[in-house]
């Protein structure tokens, strides 16, 4: 029995592999919409933001994070300097997690093991940075992959600039 270097694909692999770039575009766009809405909420104080989330003099830091998230979402979604936008978002998420979210937990790295959130509300509705860590991972993945087939840079220049 000899085996060549080709790998046999499952039924789902045969169906979905030819559409991998399109699925990645949907993934990238969905992520960009979520990050963009979150950034707009911070940058423009929409939808009851800050709602007690700004008690410790984090106003400027939150404003900067909001604008970075908004601009990064725009770049990632459109496929313009995708890796630069994703890299800026990774740095923002590292600062957000270690500078804000992890600092709220007295038993780091366990995100929900703090008795009460800083605004005195219910500890069950407070979060310890899971979204921040998830977005860090997704932005890092997008930073590695770039815009791939579907991006404005690739359309105009035939390649990604960064």
Protein backbone atom coordinates (compact mmCIF):
# COMPACT_ATOMS: atom_id res chain seq x y z
CA UNK A 1 0.00 0.00 0.00
CA UNK A 2 1.59 3.23 -1.12
CA UNK A 3 0.40 6.59 -0.07
CA UNK A 4 0.93 9.76 -2.04
CA UNK A 5 1.14 13.27 -0.58
CA UNK A 6 -2.45 14.16 -1.33
CA UNK A 7 -4.76 14.07 1.61
CA UNK A 8 -8.26 12.76 1.19
CA UNK A 9 -10.85 15.32 2.26
CA UNK A 10 -14.08 14.67 4.07
CA UNK A 11 -17.41 15.50 2.48
CA UNK A 12 -17.49 18.88 4.22
CA UNK A 13 -13.92 19.59 3.17
CA UNK A 14 -14.83 19.00 -0.46
CA UNK A 15 -17.88 21.25 -0.16
CA UNK A 16 -16.40 24.13 1.85
CA UNK A 17 -12.70 24.24 0.90
CA UNK A 18 -13.33 25.95 -2.45
CA UNK A 19 -15.20 28.68 -0.54
CA UNK A 20 -12.56 29.24 2.17
CA UNK A 21 -11.75 32.78 1.01
CA UNK A 22 -15.42 33.74 0.98
CA UNK A 23 -15.94 32.30 4.48
CA UNK A 24 -12.88 34.19 5.68
CA UNK A 25 -14.34 37.40 4.20
CA UNK A 26 -17.59 36.84 6.11
CA UNK A 27 -15.59 36.13 9.28
CA UNK A 28 -13.49 39.27 8.79
CA UNK A 29 -16.53 41.45 8.06
CA UNK A 30 -18.46 40.10 11.04
CA UNK A 31 -15.51 40.76 13.33
CA UNK A 32 -15.07 44.25 11.90
CA UNK A 33 -18.74 45.10 12.49
CA UNK A 34 -18.57 43.97 16.14
CA UNK A 35 -15.33 45.82 16.81
CA UNK A 36 -16.56 48.89 14.93
CA UNK A 37 -19.79 49.09 16.93
CA UNK A 38 -17.85 48.67 20.18
CA UNK A 39 -15.37 51.35 19.12
CA UNK A 40 -18.14 53.73 18.06
CA UNK A 41 -19.83 53.20 21.40
CA UNK A 42 -16.63 54.27 23.19
CA UNK A 43 -15.59 57.04 20.79
CA UNK A 44 -19.00 58.72 20.59
CA UNK A 45 -20.43 57.69 24.01
CA UNK A 46 -23.38 55.89 22.41
CA UNK A 47 -25.86 53.37 23.83
CA UNK A 48 -25.51 54.39 27.49
CA UNK A 49 -21.73 54.20 27.47
CA UNK A 50 -19.78 54.61 29.76
CA UNK A 51 -22.47 53.49 32.23
CA UNK A 52 -20.09 53.46 35.16
CA UNK A 53 -17.26 51.88 33.20
CA UNK A 54 -15.08 54.96 33.48
CA UNK A 55 -14.63 55.48 37.22
CA UNK A 56 -10.88 55.30 37.67
CA UNK A 57 -9.70 58.11 35.42
CA UNK A 58 -9.63 55.90 32.34
CA UNK A 59 -11.44 58.48 30.21
CA UNK A 60 -8.58 59.26 27.82
CA UNK A 61 -7.49 55.63 27.61
CA UNK A 62 -11.04 54.55 26.79
CA UNK A 63 -11.34 57.32 24.17
CA UNK A 64 -8.11 56.22 22.50
CA UNK A 65 -9.19 52.56 22.58
CA UNK A 66 -12.52 53.51 21.01
CA UNK A 67 -10.87 55.33 18.11
CA UNK A 68 -8.31 52.56 17.56
CA UNK A 69 -11.12 49.99 17.52
CA UNK A 70 -13.18 52.07 15.11
CA UNK A 71 -10.32 52.71 12.68
CA UNK A 72 -9.03 49.13 12.94
CA UNK A 73 -12.51 47.78 12.18
CA UNK A 74 -12.69 49.99 9.11
CA UNK A 75 -9.27 48.80 7.86
CA UNK A 76 -9.96 45.12 8.61
CA UNK A 77 -13.44 45.17 7.11
CA UNK A 78 -12.45 46.85 3.87
CA UNK A 79 -9.14 45.04 3.49
CA UNK A 80 -7.07 48.22 3.49
CA UNK A 81 -3.81 47.87 5.46
CA UNK A 82 -5.48 44.90 7.15
CA UNK A 83 -2.39 43.75 9.00
CA UNK A 84 -1.72 47.26 10.34
CA UNK A 85 -5.29 47.55 11.63
CA UNK A 86 -5.14 44.10 13.18
CA UNK A 87 -1.77 44.87 14.79
CA UNK A 88 -3.09 48.10 16.32
CA UNK A 89 -6.06 46.16 17.67
CA UNK A 90 -3.78 43.48 19.16
CA UNK A 91 -1.78 46.15 21.01
CA UNK A 92 -5.00 47.80 22.20
CA UNK A 93 -6.37 44.47 23.48
CA UNK A 94 -3.12 43.70 25.33
CA UNK A 95 -3.26 47.10 27.04
CA UNK A 96 -6.99 46.69 27.75
CA UNK A 97 -6.59 43.23 29.24
CA UNK A 98 -3.50 43.75 31.36
CA UNK A 99 -4.13 47.41 32.15
CA UNK A 100 -7.84 47.26 32.92
CA UNK A 101 -9.58 43.88 32.91
CA UNK A 102 -6.97 41.70 34.63
CA UNK A 103 -6.38 44.42 37.19
CA UNK A 104 -10.01 44.03 38.35
CA UNK A 105 -9.45 40.43 39.36
CA UNK A 106 -7.64 39.80 42.65
CA UNK A 107 -7.00 36.21 41.55
CA UNK A 108 -5.56 36.74 38.08
CA UNK A 109 -5.87 35.09 35.53
CA UNK A 110 -9.33 33.93 36.57
CA UNK A 111 -11.55 36.61 35.05
CA UNK A 112 -14.73 36.30 37.13
CA UNK A 113 -13.27 35.86 40.59
CA UNK A 114 -13.76 39.34 41.88
CA UNK A 115 -16.53 40.13 44.31
CA UNK A 116 -18.06 43.25 42.80
CA UNK A 117 -17.36 45.36 39.74
CA UNK A 118 -15.93 48.83 40.34
CA UNK A 119 -19.27 50.54 39.73
CA UNK A 120 -20.83 48.62 42.64
CA UNK A 121 -23.20 46.67 40.39
CA UNK A 122 -23.83 42.97 40.13
CA UNK A 123 -20.71 40.80 39.78
CA UNK A 124 -22.55 38.41 37.47
CA UNK A 125 -22.94 41.05 34.77
CA UNK A 126 -19.34 42.23 35.05
CA UNK A 127 -16.74 40.70 32.77
CA UNK A 128 -13.08 40.14 33.35
CA UNK A 129 -11.76 40.41 29.86
CA UNK A 130 -12.87 37.29 27.99
CA UNK A 131 -14.00 39.40 25.05
CA UNK A 132 -10.70 41.25 25.15
CA UNK A 133 -8.73 37.99 24.99
CA UNK A 134 -10.96 36.61 22.24
CA UNK A 135 -10.58 39.77 20.17
CA UNK A 136 -6.82 39.67 20.74
CA UNK A 137 -6.70 36.15 19.30
CA UNK A 138 -8.94 36.96 16.34
CA UNK A 139 -7.02 40.16 15.54
CA UNK A 140 -3.74 38.23 15.74
CA UNK A 141 -5.12 35.63 13.31
CA UNK A 142 -6.29 38.34 10.92
CA UNK A 143 -2.88 40.01 11.29
CA UNK A 144 -1.20 36.81 10.15
CA UNK A 145 -3.62 36.06 7.29
CA UNK A 146 -4.18 39.62 6.05
CA UNK A 147 -7.12 40.27 3.76
CA UNK A 148 -6.34 37.27 1.53
CA UNK A 149 -8.35 37.23 -1.70
CA UNK A 150 -10.99 39.84 -0.80
CA UNK A 151 -9.54 43.23 0.02
CA UNK A 152 -9.55 46.65 -1.57
CA UNK A 153 -5.73 46.75 -1.66
CA UNK A 154 -5.60 43.51 -3.61
CA UNK A 155 -8.25 44.83 -6.00
CA UNK A 156 -6.37 48.06 -6.80
CA UNK A 157 -2.73 47.02 -6.39
CA UNK A 158 -2.86 43.27 -6.98
CA UNK A 159 -1.26 42.64 -3.57
CA UNK A 160 -1.38 43.66 0.07
CA UNK A 161 0.81 46.66 0.81
CA UNK A 162 1.78 45.50 4.32
